[in-house]
Amino acid sequence: MEQFWRKYIFPLLYTFIIAASMRLINAVLTGFRFWERSWEETTIECLLLTTGYVYTYVLNSLLRKYQQQPKPPSAIKEYLVVAGVIIAMTDGFILPVQHFTGKRGCELYDVINFTLIPTLFYLLYYVIKRANASMKKSYEQQLLLEKISNDQLQTELRFLKAQFHPHFLFNALNTVYFQMDESVGTAKHTVEKLSELLRYQLYDHQQTVTVGAELQYMQSYIDLQKSRMNDHLQLQVKIDEQLNKQNVYPLLLLPLVENAFKYAGGDYWINISACLQNGWLVFHVSNAVPQIAVKHRKGGIGLENLRRRLALLYPGKHALDINACQHNYSADLKIAL
């Protein structure tokens, strides 16, 4: 319906408004009562209303031509060309018709009136169409840039996911390797746990899961690691019962837990806690380090991967603080749920 109005009704209506304006101005200046003229003249003028289709077609064609140019001319030059085209069409067609069909012919004020009014009206039409086309083009370019940016982010997230899998698998296989020397049954049980963890990692990393599912996954990993740790490990895990149905992107907590098990030493303790505070998931992991501490690399693949994924998935809605002291190492992560 909108296209029918724009293509068929509007040009006719717009031309009628222009013709009525010209006749009213003419009547004021000359006293000529156009409504008292013969029906033949009125019929011819009504037929001239169809020229609106020609005007709008030509102006729309000019607009498309300028919009498609790699380097369009200045706005002033463009408007001068458009005004020249409108004047040429008016003086080349409408004025001769008026001159040869009207009883009065075509006087000087008719030339001025019939040239100036259509030019102003159709130039206004072109300006509005040009502004709308520019806004539409700018909006489409913005959408395209957002799509390209989103595609780049999705590609990077998929790359980070592919990077995460080998890193996690390498650490888990080390666990199985050491257990093979102690107990084949224990190693077999560990492999079963590992298969459950890997199955969880098959989920799309751009889709959210419940916090409860993520914490359950983390607990399975902790159970897997405990199976290879000795009884001296002092492990404390506190989970807020309020954390359950909230949504979160997966595999953001594990790198911190994995890091704690990797570097635990000295007094040999690990503390893990997760709670809900004012709509934020507050996650804390800390562990004792050996007296002769192994220096934590700032550029480790696990933590760097985590930082980048947080930046992509929670821009401005997360905080990650890592502190390394003489006897302990801690990491605090906050995510807006």
Protein backbone atom coordinates (compact mmCIF):
# COMPACT_ATOMS: atom_id res chain seq x y z
CA MET A 1 0.00 0.00 0.00
CA GLU A 2 2.81 2.39 0.84
CA GLN A 3 4.52 1.71 -2.48
CA PHE A 4 1.24 2.26 -4.38
CA TRP A 5 0.76 5.61 -2.62
CA ARG A 6 4.33 6.71 -3.27
CA LYS A 7 4.37 5.62 -6.91
CA TYR A 8 0.87 6.45 -8.17
CA ILE A 9 -1.06 8.74 -5.80
CA PHE A 10 1.59 11.11 -4.44
CA PRO A 11 2.90 12.44 -7.82
CA LEU A 12 -0.64 13.27 -8.94
CA LEU A 13 -1.57 14.91 -5.63
CA TYR A 14 1.69 16.85 -5.43
CA THR A 15 1.26 18.21 -8.95
CA PHE A 16 -2.32 19.22 -8.12
CA ILE A 17 -1.03 21.24 -5.14
CA ILE A 18 1.55 22.94 -7.41
CA ALA A 19 -1.09 23.75 -10.07
CA ALA A 20 -3.50 25.10 -7.46
CA SER A 21 -0.74 27.31 -6.00
CA MET A 22 0.12 28.71 -9.42
CA ARG A 23 -3.52 29.44 -10.24
CA LEU A 24 -4.13 31.14 -6.89
CA ILE A 25 -1.08 33.36 -7.29
CA ASN A 26 -2.11 34.16 -10.84
CA ALA A 27 -5.62 35.05 -9.69
CA VAL A 28 -4.27 37.39 -6.98
CA LEU A 29 -1.91 39.17 -9.38
CA THR A 30 -4.18 39.49 -12.41
CA GLY A 31 -7.69 39.13 -11.10
CA PHE A 32 -8.30 36.30 -13.56
CA ARG A 33 -10.87 33.84 -12.22
CA PHE A 34 -9.60 30.52 -13.45
CA TRP A 35 -12.71 28.72 -12.25
CA GLU A 36 -14.77 30.68 -14.81
CA ARG A 37 -12.72 29.55 -17.83
CA SER A 38 -13.96 27.09 -20.44
CA TRP A 39 -14.11 23.39 -19.71
CA GLU A 40 -11.63 22.68 -22.53
CA GLU A 41 -8.90 24.64 -20.72
CA THR A 42 -9.75 22.95 -17.43
CA THR A 43 -9.59 19.53 -19.10
CA ILE A 44 -6.19 20.27 -20.60
CA GLU A 45 -4.85 21.44 -17.24
CA CYS A 46 -6.20 18.32 -15.54
CA LEU A 47 -4.37 16.25 -18.12
CA LEU A 48 -1.21 18.21 -17.34
CA LEU A 49 -1.37 16.88 -13.78
CA THR A 50 -0.02 13.61 -15.14
CA THR A 51 3.30 15.38 -15.76
CA GLY A 52 3.91 14.81 -12.06
CA TYR A 53 4.81 11.22 -12.91
CA VAL A 54 7.42 12.49 -15.37
CA TYR A 55 8.89 14.97 -12.88
CA THR A 56 9.15 12.42 -10.05
CA TYR A 57 10.60 9.78 -12.39
CA VAL A 58 13.29 12.13 -13.71
CA LEU A 59 14.17 13.46 -10.24
CA ASN A 60 14.35 9.95 -8.74
CA SER A 61 16.58 8.87 -11.64
CA LEU A 62 18.91 11.81 -11.01
CA LEU A 63 19.01 10.97 -7.32
CA ARG A 64 19.95 7.34 -7.99
CA LYS A 65 22.61 8.49 -10.43
CA TYR A 66 24.26 10.79 -7.88
CA GLN A 67 23.93 8.26 -5.05
CA GLN A 68 25.70 5.58 -7.10
CA GLN A 69 28.65 7.76 -8.07
CA PRO A 70 31.88 6.91 -6.19
CA LYS A 71 32.56 10.61 -5.77
CA PRO A 72 29.30 12.58 -6.00
CA PRO A 73 29.43 16.33 -6.77
CA SER A 74 28.94 19.00 -4.13
CA ALA A 75 25.40 19.59 -2.90
CA ILE A 76 25.26 23.07 -4.48
CA LYS A 77 26.28 21.79 -7.89
CA GLU A 78 23.81 18.91 -7.59
CA TYR A 79 20.93 21.24 -6.69
CA LEU A 80 21.79 23.61 -9.55
CA VAL A 81 21.68 20.74 -12.03
CA VAL A 82 18.35 19.52 -10.62
CA ALA A 83 16.88 23.04 -10.74
CA GLY A 84 18.05 23.38 -14.35
CA VAL A 85 16.38 20.11 -15.31
CA ILE A 86 13.10 21.19 -13.66
CA ILE A 87 13.14 24.57 -15.44
CA ALA A 88 13.95 22.93 -18.78
CA MET A 89 11.06 20.49 -18.40
CA THR A 90 8.64 23.24 -17.38
CA ASP A 91 9.64 25.79 -20.04
CA GLY A 92 9.94 23.13 -22.70
CA PHE A 93 6.54 21.53 -22.22
CA ILE A 94 4.06 23.18 -19.84
CA LEU A 95 4.54 26.77 -20.96
CA PRO A 96 4.01 25.97 -24.66
CA VAL A 97 0.85 24.08 -23.82
CA GLN A 98 -0.37 27.02 -21.75
CA HIS A 99 0.48 29.45 -24.55
CA PHE A 100 -1.23 27.63 -27.39
CA THR A 101 -4.29 26.31 -25.53
CA GLY A 102 -5.28 29.24 -23.32
CA LYS A 103 -7.32 32.13 -24.68
CA ARG A 104 -5.03 34.69 -23.06
CA GLY A 105 -1.85 33.14 -24.33
CA CYS A 106 1.20 33.26 -22.08
CA GLU A 107 2.14 36.59 -20.50
CA LEU A 108 5.41 37.49 -18.75
CA TYR A 109 3.97 36.94 -15.29
CA ASP A 110 2.76 33.52 -16.50
CA VAL A 111 6.32 32.64 -17.48
CA ILE A 112 7.66 33.70 -14.08
CA ASN A 113 4.85 32.03 -12.19
CA PHE A 114 4.91 28.78 -14.18
CA THR A 115 8.71 28.58 -13.92
CA LEU A 116 9.33 29.62 -10.33
CA ILE A 117 6.58 27.72 -8.47
CA PRO A 118 7.18 24.22 -9.95
CA THR A 119 10.94 24.70 -9.55
CA LEU A 120 10.62 25.53 -5.85
CA PHE A 121 8.16 22.71 -5.17
CA TYR A 122 10.08 20.01 -7.04
CA LEU A 123 13.40 21.21 -5.68
CA LEU A 124 11.91 20.81 -2.19
CA TYR A 125 10.76 17.32 -3.19
CA TYR A 126 14.29 16.45 -4.34
CA VAL A 127 15.90 17.82 -1.16
CA ILE A 128 13.61 15.71 1.03
CA LYS A 129 14.16 12.58 -1.09
CA ARG A 130 17.91 13.16 -1.02
CA ALA A 131 17.94 13.55 2.77
CA ASN A 132 15.90 10.36 3.22
CA ALA A 133 18.17 8.46 0.83
CA SER A 134 21.27 9.69 2.67
CA MET A 135 19.82 8.65 6.03
CA LYS A 136 18.85 5.24 4.67
CA LYS A 137 22.30 4.74 3.15
CA SER A 138 23.99 5.78 6.38
CA TYR A 139 21.75 3.40 8.36
CA GLU A 140 22.51 0.51 5.99
CA GLN A 141 26.25 1.21 6.25
CA GLN A 142 25.99 1.25 10.04
CA LEU A 143 24.14 -2.09 9.99
CA LEU A 144 26.81 -3.51 7.66
CA LEU A 145 29.61 -2.35 9.94
CA GLU A 146 27.84 -3.85 12.97
CA LYS A 147 27.37 -7.13 11.09
CA ILE A 148 31.05 -7.23 10.09
CA SER A 149 32.08 -6.42 13.67
CA ASN A 150 29.75 -9.10 15.06
CA ASP A 151 31.06 -11.66 12.55
CA GLN A 152 34.62 -10.83 13.60
CA LEU A 153 33.72 -11.27 17.27
CA GLN A 154 31.98 -14.58 16.59
CA THR A 155 35.02 -15.79 14.64
CA GLU A 156 37.32 -14.80 17.50
CA LEU A 157 35.09 -16.54 20.06
CA ARG A 158 35.14 -19.73 17.98
CA PHE A 159 38.92 -19.47 17.81
CA LEU A 160 39.15 -19.02 21.57
CA LYS A 161 36.89 -22.04 22.04
CA ALA A 162 39.14 -24.14 19.79
CA GLN A 163 42.12 -22.87 21.79
CA PHE A 164 40.49 -23.74 25.10
CA HIS A 165 39.77 -27.39 24.30
CA PRO A 166 43.39 -28.53 23.73
CA HIS A 167 44.54 -26.57 26.78
CA PHE A 168 42.00 -28.23 29.07
CA LEU A 169 42.55 -31.65 27.49
CA PHE A 170 46.30 -31.43 27.95
CA ASN A 171 45.97 -30.82 31.71
CA ALA A 172 43.33 -33.55 32.13
CA LEU A 173 45.40 -36.15 30.27
CA ASN A 174 48.31 -35.40 32.59
CA THR A 175 46.05 -36.45 35.46
CA VAL A 176 45.16 -39.72 33.75
CA TYR A 177 48.82 -40.34 32.93
CA PHE A 178 49.92 -40.20 36.57
CA GLN A 179 47.00 -42.35 37.71
CA MET A 180 47.90 -45.13 35.27
CA ASP A 181 50.96 -45.94 37.38
CA GLU A 182 48.91 -46.14 40.58
CA SER A 183 45.56 -47.68 39.68
CA VAL A 184 44.06 -48.58 36.32
CA GLY A 185 40.58 -48.54 37.88
CA THR A 186 41.04 -45.01 39.15
CA ALA A 187 42.36 -43.92 35.78
CA LYS A 188 39.33 -45.51 34.11
CA HIS A 189 37.00 -43.60 36.43
CA THR A 190 38.88 -40.41 35.64
CA VAL A 191 38.46 -41.00 31.91
CA GLU A 192 34.71 -41.35 32.47
CA LYS A 193 34.67 -38.04 34.33
CA LEU A 194 36.73 -36.51 31.58
CA SER A 195 34.24 -37.63 28.94
CA GLU A 196 31.44 -35.91 30.89
CA LEU A 197 33.42 -32.70 31.03
CA LEU A 198 34.22 -32.79 27.33
CA ARG A 199 30.57 -33.41 26.52
CA TYR A 200 29.68 -30.20 28.36
CA GLN A 201 32.30 -28.31 26.37
CA LEU A 202 30.54 -29.19 23.13
CA TYR A 203 27.89 -26.56 23.95
CA ASP A 204 27.92 -23.40 21.86
CA HIS A 205 30.07 -20.83 23.65
CA GLN A 206 27.96 -17.99 22.25
CA GLN A 207 24.86 -19.35 24.05
CA THR A 208 24.24 -18.98 27.76
CA VAL A 209 23.68 -21.77 30.28
CA THR A 210 22.34 -21.66 33.81
CA VAL A 211 24.76 -20.79 36.58
CA GLY A 212 23.75 -24.05 38.26
CA ALA A 213 24.92 -26.06 35.24
CA GLU A 214 28.19 -24.14 35.12
CA LEU A 215 28.84 -24.70 38.83
CA GLN A 216 28.01 -28.39 38.46
CA TYR A 217 30.53 -28.61 35.64
CA MET A 218 33.10 -26.89 37.85
CA GLN A 219 32.36 -29.35 40.67
CA SER A 220 32.93 -32.29 38.29
CA TYR A 221 36.30 -30.85 37.40
CA ILE A 222 37.16 -30.42 41.09
CA ASP A 223 36.22 -34.06 41.72
CA LEU A 224 38.44 -35.11 38.86
CA GLN A 225 41.38 -33.16 40.26
CA LYS A 226 40.82 -34.41 43.82
CA SER A 227 41.20 -37.98 42.57
CA ARG A 228 44.86 -37.35 41.80
CA MET A 229 45.63 -35.12 44.81
CA ASN A 230 46.87 -36.56 48.09
CA ASP A 231 44.98 -36.35 51.35
CA HIS A 232 46.98 -33.35 52.57
CA LEU A 233 45.08 -30.99 50.29
CA GLN A 234 42.81 -28.67 52.29
CA LEU A 235 40.02 -27.89 49.86
CA GLN A 236 37.15 -25.60 50.77
CA VAL A 237 34.28 -24.97 48.34
CA LYS A 238 31.38 -22.65 49.21
CA ILE A 239 28.51 -22.14 46.75
CA ASP A 240 25.64 -19.72 47.35
CA GLU A 241 22.32 -21.56 47.06
CA GLN A 242 20.82 -18.50 45.32
CA LEU A 243 23.00 -19.24 42.30
CA ASN A 244 20.98 -21.59 40.15
CA LYS A 245 18.68 -20.38 37.39
CA GLN A 246 20.57 -17.25 36.35
CA ASN A 247 22.11 -17.26 32.88
CA VAL A 248 25.83 -17.01 32.18
CA TYR A 249 28.15 -17.80 29.32
CA PRO A 250 29.87 -21.17 29.84
CA LEU A 251 33.46 -22.05 30.74
CA LEU A 252 34.40 -18.75 32.37
CA LEU A 253 35.01 -20.10 35.88
CA LEU A 254 37.08 -23.19 35.06
CA PRO A 255 40.34 -21.43 34.04
CA LEU A 256 40.66 -19.90 37.53
CA VAL A 257 39.96 -23.22 39.27
CA GLU A 258 42.32 -25.02 36.91
CA ASN A 259 45.02 -22.46 37.67
CA ALA A 260 44.61 -23.01 41.43
CA PHE A 261 45.06 -26.79 41.17
CA LYS A 262 48.01 -26.30 38.86
CA TYR A 263 49.99 -24.05 41.21
CA ALA A 264 48.82 -25.18 44.66
CA GLY A 265 51.72 -25.91 47.03
CA GLY A 266 53.27 -24.85 50.32
CA ASP A 267 50.58 -25.23 52.97
CA TYR A 268 48.60 -26.95 50.23
CA TRP A 269 45.18 -25.38 50.47
CA ILE A 270 42.63 -24.14 47.93
CA ASN A 271 39.58 -21.99 48.65
CA ILE A 272 36.77 -21.62 46.12
CA SER A 273 33.59 -19.61 46.64
CA ALA A 274 30.73 -18.31 44.52
CA CYS A 275 27.92 -16.04 45.67
CA LEU A 276 25.26 -13.67 44.37
CA GLN A 277 25.62 -10.00 45.32
CA ASN A 278 23.23 -7.36 43.95
CA GLY A 279 22.77 -9.17 40.65
CA TRP A 280 26.48 -9.98 40.24
CA LEU A 281 28.14 -13.38 40.29
CA VAL A 282 31.10 -12.99 42.64
CA PHE A 283 33.63 -15.80 42.21
CA HIS A 284 36.78 -16.19 44.32
CA VAL A 285 39.62 -18.68 44.01
CA SER A 286 42.78 -18.66 46.11
CA ASN A 287 45.53 -21.17 46.79
CA ALA A 288 48.74 -21.52 48.73
CA VAL A 289 51.95 -21.49 46.75
CA PRO A 290 55.25 -23.24 47.47
CA GLN A 291 57.87 -21.41 49.50
CA ILE A 292 60.03 -21.51 46.42
CA ALA A 293 57.20 -20.15 44.33
CA VAL A 294 56.85 -20.93 40.70
CA LYS A 295 56.44 -17.62 38.95
CA HIS A 296 52.98 -17.28 37.43
CA ARG A 297 53.18 -16.29 33.83
CA LYS A 298 51.06 -13.25 32.99
CA GLY A 299 50.64 -14.41 29.43
CA GLY A 300 49.43 -17.94 30.10
CA ILE A 301 47.03 -19.16 27.45
CA GLY A 302 44.27 -19.99 29.98
CA LEU A 303 44.11 -16.56 31.66
CA GLU A 304 44.69 -14.60 28.45
CA ASN A 305 41.94 -16.60 26.80
CA LEU A 306 39.64 -15.86 29.75
CA ARG A 307 40.38 -12.12 29.69
CA ARG A 308 39.59 -11.88 25.99
CA ARG A 309 36.37 -13.90 26.24
CA LEU A 310 35.19 -11.72 29.14
CA ALA A 311 35.92 -8.60 27.09
CA LEU A 312 33.87 -9.95 24.19
CA LEU A 313 30.98 -11.47 26.13
CA TYR A 314 30.68 -8.99 29.03
CA PRO A 315 32.02 -5.60 27.86
CA GLY A 316 31.84 -3.22 30.81
CA LYS A 317 30.00 -5.83 32.89
CA HIS A 318 32.81 -7.76 34.50
CA ALA A 319 35.89 -7.35 36.68
CA LEU A 320 38.84 -9.73 37.02
CA ASP A 321 41.47 -9.10 39.69
CA ILE A 322 44.47 -11.40 40.14
CA ASN A 323 46.91 -11.02 43.03
CA ALA A 324 50.10 -12.98 43.57
CA CYS A 325 51.66 -12.73 47.04
CA GLN A 326 54.55 -14.53 48.69
CA HIS A 327 52.45 -17.33 50.20
CA ASN A 328 49.23 -17.32 48.20
CA TYR A 329 47.68 -16.60 44.86
CA SER A 330 44.12 -15.32 44.42
CA ALA A 331 41.71 -14.45 41.63
CA ASP A 332 38.41 -12.57 41.98
CA LEU A 333 35.91 -12.49 39.12
CA LYS A 334 32.67 -10.48 39.06
CA ILE A 335 30.10 -10.88 36.28
CA ALA A 336 26.82 -8.99 35.90
CA LEU A 337 24.06 -11.57 35.52
